[in-house]
Amino acid sequence: MFIAMEPGLTVYRHDSPGGRIVIITVDERTPGDVVARLQVERRADPGRQGVGEPPLIAEARGASREEVLTELQTLAADDAELARRLARWSAMQRRPRSDTP
């Protein structure tokens, strides 16, 4: 089974504590507007194994690959900050949407 990921080339992967896989992808399709995305796959969570899209934790835009990678690799190496952002993302997923009845 394949998991949908944000478009782009995977340029960084890090296995974090707790069964998380940190992935950074880079989309360089538009010259001068490079977009990098940091996603965390939560493989230790039985509900996540083989289903759904990994949470998008952070995104960076810049003129070059080096610029956006510098920003996101610092975050990717900080397991405590990743855990905080993943917890915040999870809480946002559980909140009722204001645009639904």
PDB file of N, CA and C in Angstrom:
ATOM      1  N   MET A   1       0.849  -1.181   0.000  1.00  0.00           N
ATOM      2  CA  MET A   1       0.000   0.000   0.000  1.00  0.00           C
ATOM      3  C   MET A   1       0.889   1.237   0.000  1.00  0.00           C
ATOM      4  N   PHE A   2       0.536   2.199  -0.810  1.00  0.00           N
ATOM      5  CA  PHE A   2       1.290   3.443  -0.884  1.00  0.00           C
ATOM      6  C   PHE A   2       0.570   4.526  -0.107  1.00  0.00           C
ATOM      7  N   ILE A   3       1.348   5.413   0.486  1.00  0.00           N
ATOM      8  CA  ILE A   3       0.787   6.522   1.262  1.00  0.00           C
ATOM      9  C   ILE A   3       0.966   7.792   0.468  1.00  0.00           C
ATOM     10  N   ALA A   4      -0.090   8.585   0.376  1.00  0.00           N
ATOM     11  CA  ALA A   4       0.004   9.861  -0.330  1.00  0.00           C
ATOM     12  C   ALA A   4       0.889  10.814   0.458  1.00  0.00           C
ATOM     13  N   MET A   5       1.805  11.422  -0.223  1.00  0.00           N
ATOM     14  CA  MET A   5       2.686  12.401   0.393  1.00  0.00           C
ATOM     15  C   MET A   5       2.542  13.703  -0.373  1.00  0.00           C
ATOM     16  N   GLU A   6       2.967  14.771   0.241  1.00  0.00           N
ATOM     17  CA  GLU A   6       3.010  16.035  -0.461  1.00  0.00           C
ATOM     18  C   GLU A   6       3.922  15.881  -1.672  1.00  0.00           C
ATOM     19  N   PRO A   7       3.625  16.591  -2.777  1.00  0.00           N
ATOM     20  CA  PRO A   7       4.478  16.459  -3.955  1.00  0.00           C
ATOM     21  C   PRO A   7       5.889  16.957  -3.680  1.00  0.00           C
ATOM     22  N   GLY A   8       6.843  16.306  -4.270  1.00  0.00           N
ATOM     23  CA  GLY A   8       8.224  16.738  -4.109  1.00  0.00           C
ATOM     24  C   GLY A   8       9.166  15.573  -3.941  1.00  0.00           C
ATOM     25  N   LEU A   9      10.422  15.884  -3.985  1.00  0.00           N
ATOM     26  CA  LEU A   9      11.490  14.913  -3.842  1.00  0.00           C
ATOM     27  C   LEU A   9      11.832  14.759  -2.364  1.00  0.00           C
ATOM     28  N   THR A  10      11.865  13.528  -1.858  1.00  0.00           N
ATOM     29  CA  THR A  10      12.261  13.295  -0.468  1.00  0.00           C
ATOM     30  C   THR A  10      13.763  13.491  -0.366  1.00  0.00           C
ATOM     31  N   VAL A  11      14.169  14.433   0.469  1.00  0.00           N
ATOM     32  CA  VAL A  11      15.586  14.756   0.592  1.00  0.00           C
ATOM     33  C   VAL A  11      16.135  14.482   1.995  1.00  0.00           C
ATOM     34  N   TYR A  12      15.251  14.137   2.924  1.00  0.00           N
ATOM     35  CA  TYR A  12      15.686  13.913   4.302  1.00  0.00           C
ATOM     36  C   TYR A  12      14.727  12.922   4.947  1.00  0.00           C
ATOM     37  N   ARG A  13      15.293  11.989   5.696  1.00  0.00           N
ATOM     38  CA  ARG A  13      14.483  11.046   6.469  1.00  0.00           C
ATOM     39  C   ARG A  13      15.216  10.756   7.769  1.00  0.00           C
ATOM     40  N   HIS A  14      14.443  10.750   8.859  1.00  0.00           N
ATOM     41  CA  HIS A  14      15.021  10.538  10.189  1.00  0.00           C
ATOM     42  C   HIS A  14      14.035   9.707  10.997  1.00  0.00           C
ATOM     43  N   ASP A  15      14.507   8.619  11.588  1.00  0.00           N
ATOM     44  CA  ASP A  15      13.664   7.821  12.468  1.00  0.00           C
ATOM     45  C   ASP A  15      13.768   8.401  13.865  1.00  0.00           C
ATOM     46  N   SER A  16      12.636   8.854  14.393  1.00  0.00           N
ATOM     47  CA  SER A  16      12.589   9.473  15.712  1.00  0.00           C
ATOM     48  C   SER A  16      12.122   8.465  16.757  1.00  0.00           C
ATOM     49  N   PRO A  17      12.335   8.802  18.026  1.00  0.00           N
ATOM     50  CA  PRO A  17      11.840   7.931  19.096  1.00  0.00           C
ATOM     51  C   PRO A  17      10.324   7.753  19.004  1.00  0.00           C
ATOM     52  N   GLY A  18       9.851   6.623  19.452  1.00  0.00           N
ATOM     53  CA  GLY A  18       8.412   6.383  19.479  1.00  0.00           C
ATOM     54  C   GLY A  18       7.858   5.902  18.151  1.00  0.00           C
ATOM     55  N   GLY A  19       8.709   5.482  17.241  1.00  0.00           N
ATOM     56  CA  GLY A  19       8.231   4.941  15.980  1.00  0.00           C
ATOM     57  C   GLY A  19       7.832   5.969  14.942  1.00  0.00           C
ATOM     58  N   ARG A  20       8.255   7.205  15.111  1.00  0.00           N
ATOM     59  CA  ARG A  20       7.928   8.253  14.132  1.00  0.00           C
ATOM     60  C   ARG A  20       9.011   8.312  13.063  1.00  0.00           C
ATOM     61  N   ILE A  21       8.589   8.611  11.853  1.00  0.00           N
ATOM     62  CA  ILE A  21       9.515   8.809  10.743  1.00  0.00           C
ATOM     63  C   ILE A  21       9.342  10.248  10.279  1.00  0.00           C
ATOM     64  N   VAL A  22      10.424  11.007  10.330  1.00  0.00           N
ATOM     65  CA  VAL A  22      10.410  12.415   9.923  1.00  0.00           C
ATOM     66  C   VAL A  22      10.905  12.480   8.476  1.00  0.00           C
ATOM     67  N   ILE A  23      10.120  13.130   7.625  1.00  0.00           N
ATOM     68  CA  ILE A  23      10.440  13.203   6.201  1.00  0.00           C
ATOM     69  C   ILE A  23      10.363  14.660   5.750  1.00  0.00           C
ATOM     70  N   ILE A  24      11.366  15.086   4.997  1.00  0.00           N
ATOM     71  CA  ILE A  24      11.327  16.412   4.375  1.00  0.00           C
ATOM     72  C   ILE A  24      11.324  16.207   2.868  1.00  0.00           C
ATOM     73  N   THR A  25      10.348  16.808   2.210  1.00  0.00           N
ATOM     74  CA  THR A  25      10.289  16.793   0.755  1.00  0.00           C
ATOM     75  C   THR A  25      10.510  18.207   0.243  1.00  0.00           C
ATOM     76  N   VAL A  26      11.059  18.300  -0.964  1.00  0.00           N
ATOM     77  CA  VAL A  26      11.321  19.594  -1.576  1.00  0.00           C
ATOM     78  C   VAL A  26      10.664  19.624  -2.949  1.00  0.00           C
ATOM     79  N   ASP A  27       9.925  20.685  -3.203  1.00  0.00           N
ATOM     80  CA  ASP A  27       9.286  20.901  -4.499  1.00  0.00           C
ATOM     81  C   ASP A  27       9.977  22.090  -5.154  1.00  0.00           C
ATOM     82  N   GLU A  28      10.695  21.819  -6.232  1.00  0.00           N
ATOM     83  CA  GLU A  28      11.454  22.853  -6.938  1.00  0.00           C
ATOM     84  C   GLU A  28      10.896  23.102  -8.340  1.00  0.00           C
ATOM     85  N   ARG A  29       9.622  22.802  -8.538  1.00  0.00           N
ATOM     86  CA  ARG A  29       9.035  22.952  -9.873  1.00  0.00           C
ATOM     87  C   ARG A  29       8.959  24.399 -10.342  1.00  0.00           C
ATOM     88  N   THR A  30       8.859  25.333  -9.411  1.00  0.00           N
ATOM     89  CA  THR A  30       8.807  26.749  -9.777  1.00  0.00           C
ATOM     90  C   THR A  30      10.140  27.387  -9.412  1.00  0.00           C
ATOM     91  N   PRO A  31      10.943  27.769 -10.417  1.00  0.00           N
ATOM     92  CA  PRO A  31      12.259  28.370 -10.123  1.00  0.00           C
ATOM     93  C   PRO A  31      12.130  29.602  -9.229  1.00  0.00           C
ATOM     94  N   GLY A  32      12.969  29.656  -8.204  1.00  0.00           N
ATOM     95  CA  GLY A  32      12.955  30.797  -7.290  1.00  0.00           C
ATOM     96  C   GLY A  32      11.914  30.708  -6.201  1.00  0.00           C
ATOM     97  N   ASP A  33      11.044  29.692  -6.258  1.00  0.00           N
ATOM     98  CA  ASP A  33      10.022  29.494  -5.222  1.00  0.00           C
ATOM     99  C   ASP A  33      10.060  28.033  -4.794  1.00  0.00           C
ATOM    100  N   VAL A  34      11.043  27.705  -3.986  1.00  0.00           N
ATOM    101  CA  VAL A  34      11.232  26.338  -3.517  1.00  0.00           C
ATOM    102  C   VAL A  34      10.388  26.137  -2.252  1.00  0.00           C
ATOM    103  N   VAL A  35       9.663  25.032  -2.221  1.00  0.00           N
ATOM    104  CA  VAL A  35       8.822  24.715  -1.070  1.00  0.00           C
ATOM    105  C   VAL A  35       9.298  23.401  -0.456  1.00  0.00           C
ATOM    106  N   ALA A  36       9.561  23.429   0.837  1.00  0.00           N
ATOM    107  CA  ALA A  36       9.934  22.210   1.561  1.00  0.00           C
ATOM    108  C   ALA A  36       8.860  21.942   2.604  1.00  0.00           C
ATOM    109  N   ARG A  37       8.543  20.666   2.770  1.00  0.00           N
ATOM    110  CA  ARG A  37       7.513  20.264   3.727  1.00  0.00           C
ATOM    111  C   ARG A  37       8.077  19.199   4.655  1.00  0.00           C
ATOM    112  N   LEU A  38       7.783  19.355   5.936  1.00  0.00           N
ATOM    113  CA  LEU A  38       8.201  18.373   6.938  1.00  0.00           C
ATOM    114  C   LEU A  38       6.958  17.631   7.395  1.00  0.00           C
ATOM    115  N   GLN A  39       6.978  16.318   7.220  1.00  0.00           N
ATOM    116  CA  GLN A  39       5.866  15.482   7.649  1.00  0.00           C
ATOM    117  C   GLN A  39       6.383  14.450   8.638  1.00  0.00           C
ATOM    118  N   VAL A  40       5.500  14.015   9.530  1.00  0.00           N
ATOM    119  CA  VAL A  40       5.868  13.001  10.518  1.00  0.00           C
ATOM    120  C   VAL A  40       4.885  11.853  10.393  1.00  0.00           C
ATOM    121  N   GLU A  41       5.420  10.704  10.017  1.00  0.00           N
ATOM    122  CA  GLU A  41       4.597   9.496   9.954  1.00  0.00           C
ATOM    123  C   GLU A  41       4.640   8.829  11.315  1.00  0.00           C
ATOM    124  N   ARG A  42       3.480   8.547  11.855  1.00  0.00           N
ATOM    125  CA  ARG A  42       3.372   8.009  13.215  1.00  0.00           C
ATOM    126  C   ARG A  42       3.136   6.505  13.171  1.00  0.00           C
ATOM    127  N   ARG A  43       4.126   5.741  12.812  1.00  0.00           N
ATOM    128  CA  ARG A  43       3.969   4.300  12.641  1.00  0.00           C
ATOM    129  C   ARG A  43       3.696   3.569  13.948  1.00  0.00           C
ATOM    130  N   ALA A  44       4.027   4.145  15.088  1.00  0.00           N
ATOM    131  CA  ALA A  44       3.758   3.486  16.366  1.00  0.00           C
ATOM    132  C   ALA A  44       2.272   3.531  16.717  1.00  0.00           C
ATOM    133  N   ASP A  45       1.530   4.411  16.084  1.00  0.00           N
ATOM    134  CA  ASP A  45       0.093   4.555  16.319  1.00  0.00           C
ATOM    135  C   ASP A  45      -0.636   3.512  15.459  1.00  0.00           C
ATOM    136  N   PRO A  46      -1.261   2.488  16.075  1.00  0.00           N
ATOM    137  CA  PRO A  46      -1.906   1.426  15.300  1.00  0.00           C
ATOM    138  C   PRO A  46      -2.937   1.953  14.296  1.00  0.00           C
ATOM    139  N   GLY A  47      -3.577   3.049  14.611  1.00  0.00           N
ATOM    140  CA  GLY A  47      -4.561   3.625  13.697  1.00  0.00           C
ATOM    141  C   GLY A  47      -3.935   4.253  12.468  1.00  0.00           C
ATOM    142  N   ARG A  48      -2.634   4.481  12.486  1.00  0.00           N
ATOM    143  CA  ARG A  48      -1.942   5.131  11.377  1.00  0.00           C
ATOM    144  C   ARG A  48      -1.240   4.147  10.451  1.00  0.00           C
ATOM    145  N   GLN A  49      -1.113   2.924  10.872  1.00  0.00           N
ATOM    146  CA  GLN A  49      -0.318   1.977  10.102  1.00  0.00           C
ATOM    147  C   GLN A  49      -1.005   1.639   8.780  1.00  0.00           C
ATOM    148  N   GLY A  50      -0.411   2.133   7.701  1.00  0.00           N
ATOM    149  CA  GLY A  50      -0.896   1.818   6.373  1.00  0.00           C
ATOM    150  C   GLY A  50      -2.069   2.636   5.874  1.00  0.00           C
ATOM    151  N   VAL A  51      -2.497   3.633   6.626  1.00  0.00           N
ATOM    152  CA  VAL A  51      -3.638   4.441   6.172  1.00  0.00           C
ATOM    153  C   VAL A  51      -3.355   5.927   6.338  1.00  0.00           C
ATOM    154  N   GLY A  52      -4.028   6.711   5.543  1.00  0.00           N
ATOM    155  CA  GLY A  52      -3.989   8.156   5.702  1.00  0.00           C
ATOM    156  C   GLY A  52      -2.702   8.799   5.260  1.00  0.00           C
ATOM    157  N   GLU A  53      -2.725  10.098   5.288  1.00  0.00           N
ATOM    158  CA  GLU A  53      -1.571  10.898   4.899  1.00  0.00           C
ATOM    159  C   GLU A  53      -0.829  11.362   6.140  1.00  0.00           C
ATOM    160  N   PRO A  54       0.496  11.303   6.133  1.00  0.00           N
ATOM    161  CA  PRO A  54       1.255  11.758   7.295  1.00  0.00           C
ATOM    162  C   PRO A  54       0.984  13.233   7.584  1.00  0.00           C
ATOM    163  N   PRO A  55       0.921  13.603   8.848  1.00  0.00           N
ATOM    164  CA  PRO A  55       0.676  15.004   9.208  1.00  0.00           C
ATOM    165  C   PRO A  55       1.759  15.943   8.666  1.00  0.00           C
ATOM    166  N   LEU A  56       1.318  17.058   8.134  1.00  0.00           N
ATOM    167  CA  LEU A  56       2.226  18.121   7.700  1.00  0.00           C
ATOM    168  C   LEU A  56       2.501  18.987   8.929  1.00  0.00           C
ATOM    169  N   ILE A  57       3.744  18.981   9.386  1.00  0.00           N
ATOM    170  CA  ILE A  57       4.124  19.666  10.615  1.00  0.00           C
ATOM    171  C   ILE A  57       4.651  21.069  10.350  1.00  0.00           C
ATOM    172  N   ALA A  58       5.368  21.238   9.250  1.00  0.00           N
ATOM    173  CA  ALA A  58       5.939  22.552   8.941  1.00  0.00           C
ATOM    174  C   ALA A  58       6.186  22.652   7.446  1.00  0.00           C
ATOM    175  N   GLU A  59       6.211  23.893   6.982  1.00  0.00           N
ATOM    176  CA  GLU A  59       6.496  24.178   5.580  1.00  0.00           C
ATOM    177  C   GLU A  59       7.393  25.403   5.524  1.00  0.00           C
ATOM    178  N   ALA A  60       8.331  25.389   4.598  1.00  0.00           N
ATOM    179  CA  ALA A  60       9.226  26.537   4.423  1.00  0.00           C
ATOM    180  C   ALA A  60       9.292  26.865   2.936  1.00  0.00           C
ATOM    181  N   ARG A  61       9.351  28.156   2.635  1.00  0.00           N
ATOM    182  CA  ARG A  61       9.478  28.634   1.252  1.00  0.00           C
ATOM    183  C   ARG A  61      10.701  29.519   1.164  1.00  0.00           C
ATOM    184  N   GLY A  62      11.374  29.417   0.028  1.00  0.00           N
ATOM    185  CA  GLY A  62      12.557  30.248  -0.165  1.00  0.00           C
ATOM    186  C   GLY A  62      13.024  30.196  -1.601  1.00  0.00           C
ATOM    187  N   ALA A  63      14.129  30.850  -1.843  1.00  0.00           N
ATOM    188  CA  ALA A  63      14.670  30.950  -3.197  1.00  0.00           C
ATOM    189  C   ALA A  63      15.510  29.744  -3.583  1.00  0.00           C
ATOM    190  N   SER A  64      15.980  28.976  -2.585  1.00  0.00           N
ATOM    191  CA  SER A  64      16.850  27.848  -2.908  1.00  0.00           C
ATOM    192  C   SER A  64      16.556  26.665  -1.992  1.00  0.00           C
ATOM    193  N   ARG A  65      16.992  25.490  -2.441  1.00  0.00           N
ATOM    194  CA  ARG A  65      16.846  24.275  -1.639  1.00  0.00           C
ATOM    195  C   ARG A  65      17.588  24.415  -0.315  1.00  0.00           C
ATOM    196  N   GLU A  66      18.797  24.956  -0.364  1.00  0.00           N
ATOM    197  CA  GLU A  66      19.597  25.100   0.850  1.00  0.00           C
ATOM    198  C   GLU A  66      18.891  25.953   1.894  1.00  0.00           C
ATOM    199  N   GLU A  67      18.269  27.034   1.450  1.00  0.00           N
ATOM    200  CA  GLU A  67      17.571  27.945   2.362  1.00  0.00           C
ATOM    201  C   GLU A  67      16.445  27.234   3.104  1.00  0.00           C
ATOM    202  N   VAL A  68      15.609  26.508   2.384  1.00  0.00           N
ATOM    203  CA  VAL A  68      14.460  25.875   3.032  1.00  0.00           C
ATOM    204  C   VAL A  68      14.878  24.661   3.852  1.00  0.00           C
ATOM    205  N   LEU A  69      15.918  23.942   3.401  1.00  0.00           N
ATOM    206  CA  LEU A  69      16.371  22.785   4.160  1.00  0.00           C
ATOM    207  C   LEU A  69      17.010  23.172   5.480  1.00  0.00           C
ATOM    208  N   THR A  70      17.741  24.257   5.490  1.00  0.00           N
ATOM    209  CA  THR A  70      18.362  24.721   6.731  1.00  0.00           C
ATOM    210  C   THR A  70      17.309  24.921   7.813  1.00  0.00           C
ATOM    211  N   GLU A  71      16.221  25.554   7.452  1.00  0.00           N
ATOM    212  CA  GLU A  71      15.143  25.817   8.412  1.00  0.00           C
ATOM    213  C   GLU A  71      14.499  24.518   8.902  1.00  0.00           C
ATOM    214  N   LEU A  72      14.152  23.626   7.985  1.00  0.00           N
ATOM    215  CA  LEU A  72      13.409  22.432   8.383  1.00  0.00           C
ATOM    216  C   LEU A  72      14.290  21.346   8.995  1.00  0.00           C
ATOM    217  N   GLN A  73      15.547  21.253   8.615  1.00  0.00           N
ATOM    218  CA  GLN A  73      16.413  20.241   9.219  1.00  0.00           C
ATOM    219  C   GLN A  73      16.675  20.538  10.691  1.00  0.00           C
ATOM    220  N   THR A  74      16.721  21.804  11.044  1.00  0.00           N
ATOM    221  CA  THR A  74      16.869  22.168  12.455  1.00  0.00           C
ATOM    222  C   THR A  74      15.673  21.658  13.249  1.00  0.00           C
ATOM    223  N   LEU A  75      14.481  21.856  12.727  1.00  0.00           N
ATOM    224  CA  LEU A  75      13.273  21.367  13.381  1.00  0.00           C
ATOM    225  C   LEU A  75      13.251  19.833  13.390  1.00  0.00           C
ATOM    226  N   ALA A  76      13.617  19.208  12.294  1.00  0.00           N
ATOM    227  CA  ALA A  76      13.589  17.748  12.189  1.00  0.00           C
ATOM    228  C   ALA A  76      14.499  17.071  13.215  1.00  0.00           C
ATOM    229  N   ALA A  77      15.558  17.744  13.608  1.00  0.00           N
ATOM    230  CA  ALA A  77      16.509  17.177  14.577  1.00  0.00           C
ATOM    231  C   ALA A  77      16.075  17.383  16.027  1.00  0.00           C
ATOM    232  N   ASP A  78      15.037  18.163  16.254  1.00  0.00           N
ATOM    233  CA  ASP A  78      14.574  18.489  17.606  1.00  0.00           C
ATOM    234  C   ASP A  78      13.359  17.629  17.951  1.00  0.00           C
ATOM    235  N   ASP A  79      13.604  16.450  18.526  1.00  0.00           N
ATOM    236  CA  ASP A  79      12.516  15.516  18.811  1.00  0.00           C
ATOM    237  C   ASP A  79      11.469  16.095  19.756  1.00  0.00           C
ATOM    238  N   ALA A  80      11.876  16.892  20.713  1.00  0.00           N
ATOM    239  CA  ALA A  80      10.917  17.489  21.656  1.00  0.00           C
ATOM    240  C   ALA A  80       9.987  18.464  20.936  1.00  0.00           C
ATOM    241  N   GLU A  81      10.543  19.300  20.073  1.00  0.00           N
ATOM    242  CA  GLU A  81       9.701  20.260  19.337  1.00  0.00           C
ATOM    243  C   GLU A  81       8.795  19.528  18.350  1.00  0.00           C
ATOM    244  N   LEU A  82       9.293  18.484  17.716  1.00  0.00           N
ATOM    245  CA  LEU A  82       8.450  17.695  16.817  1.00  0.00           C
ATOM    246  C   LEU A  82       7.271  17.096  17.581  1.00  0.00           C
ATOM    247  N   ALA A  83       7.530  16.586  18.773  1.00  0.00           N
ATOM    248  CA  ALA A  83       6.460  16.001  19.591  1.00  0.00           C
ATOM    249  C   ALA A  83       5.421  17.057  19.947  1.00  0.00           C
ATOM    250  N   ARG A  84       5.865  18.271  20.295  1.00  0.00           N
ATOM    251  CA  ARG A  84       4.924  19.356  20.616  1.00  0.00           C
ATOM    252  C   ARG A  84       4.068  19.713  19.403  1.00  0.00           C
ATOM    253  N   ARG A  85       4.712  19.844  18.257  1.00  0.00           N
ATOM    254  CA  ARG A  85       3.963  20.205  17.042  1.00  0.00           C
ATOM    255  C   ARG A  85       3.018  19.095  16.599  1.00  0.00           C
ATOM    256  N   LEU A  86       3.436  17.855  16.768  1.00  0.00           N
ATOM    257  CA  LEU A  86       2.555  16.740  16.426  1.00  0.00           C
ATOM    258  C   LEU A  86       1.361  16.687  17.373  1.00  0.00           C
ATOM    259  N   ALA A  87       1.581  16.957  18.644  1.00  0.00           N
ATOM    260  CA  ALA A  87       0.474  17.003  19.607  1.00  0.00           C
ATOM    261  C   ALA A  87      -0.493  18.130  19.258  1.00  0.00           C
ATOM    262  N   ARG A  88       0.049  19.279  18.867  1.00  0.00           N
ATOM    263  CA  ARG A  88      -0.803  20.409  18.456  1.00  0.00           C
ATOM    264  C   ARG A  88      -1.603  20.050  17.204  1.00  0.00           C
ATOM    265  N   TRP A  89      -0.947  19.399  16.240  1.00  0.00           N
ATOM    266  CA  TRP A  89      -1.627  18.976  15.017  1.00  0.00           C
ATOM    267  C   TRP A  89      -2.756  18.002  15.361  1.00  0.00           C
ATOM    268  N   SER A  90      -2.474  17.027  16.242  1.00  0.00           N
ATOM    269  CA  SER A  90      -3.476  16.036  16.632  1.00  0.00           C
ATOM    270  C   SER A  90      -4.664  16.693  17.317  1.00  0.00           C
ATOM    271  N   ALA A  91      -4.403  17.657  18.175  1.00  0.00           N
ATOM    272  CA  ALA A  91      -5.488  18.367  18.863  1.00  0.00           C
ATOM    273  C   ALA A  91      -6.355  19.125  17.863  1.00  0.00           C
ATOM    274  N   MET A  92      -5.733  19.719  16.865  1.00  0.00           N
ATOM    275  CA  MET A  92      -6.488  20.455  15.841  1.00  0.00           C
ATOM    276  C   MET A  92      -7.376  19.511  15.023  1.00  0.00           C
ATOM    277  N   GLN A  93      -6.932  18.283  14.830  1.00  0.00           N
ATOM    278  CA  GLN A  93      -7.732  17.314  14.067  1.00  0.00           C
ATOM    279  C   GLN A  93      -8.985  16.882  14.826  1.00  0.00           C
ATOM    280  N   ARG A  94      -8.909  16.928  16.149  1.00  0.00           N
ATOM    281  CA  ARG A  94     -10.042  16.506  16.987  1.00  0.00           C
ATOM    282  C   ARG A  94     -11.054  17.621  17.210  1.00  0.00           C
ATOM    283  N   ARG A  95     -10.650  18.881  16.963  1.00  0.00           N
ATOM    284  CA  ARG A  95     -11.558  20.000  17.199  1.00  0.00           C
ATOM    285  C   ARG A  95     -12.670  19.987  16.153  1.00  0.00           C
ATOM    286  N   PRO A  96     -13.899  20.300  16.593  1.00  0.00           N
ATOM    287  CA  PRO A  96     -14.990  20.387  15.610  1.00  0.00           C
ATOM    288  C   PRO A  96     -14.757  21.569  14.674  1.00  0.00           C
ATOM    289  N   ARG A  97     -15.049  21.342  13.419  1.00  0.00           N
ATOM    290  CA  ARG A  97     -14.872  22.417  12.424  1.00  0.00           C
ATOM    291  C   ARG A  97     -16.008  23.412  12.550  1.00  0.00           C
ATOM    292  N   SER A  98     -15.684  24.686  12.407  1.00  0.00           N
ATOM    293  CA  SER A  98     -16.696  25.735  12.542  1.00  0.00           C
ATOM    294  C   SER A  98     -17.585  25.834  11.321  1.00  0.00           C
ATOM    295  N   ASP A  99     -17.182  25.222  10.191  1.00  0.00           N
ATOM    296  CA  ASP A  99     -17.985  25.330   8.978  1.00  0.00           C
ATOM    297  C   ASP A  99     -18.928  24.143   8.772  1.00  0.00           C
ATOM    298  N   THR A 100     -19.051  23.279   9.816  1.00  0.00           N
ATOM    299  CA  THR A 100     -19.988  22.155   9.722  1.00  0.00           C
ATOM    300  C   THR A 100     -21.130  22.404  10.684  1.00  0.00           C
ATOM    301  N   PRO A 101     -22.309  21.927  10.325  1.00  0.00           N
ATOM    302  CA  PRO A 101     -23.478  22.146  11.211  1.00  0.00           C
ATOM    303  C   PRO A 101     -23.410  21.410  12.511  1.00  0.00           C
TER     304      PRO A 101
END
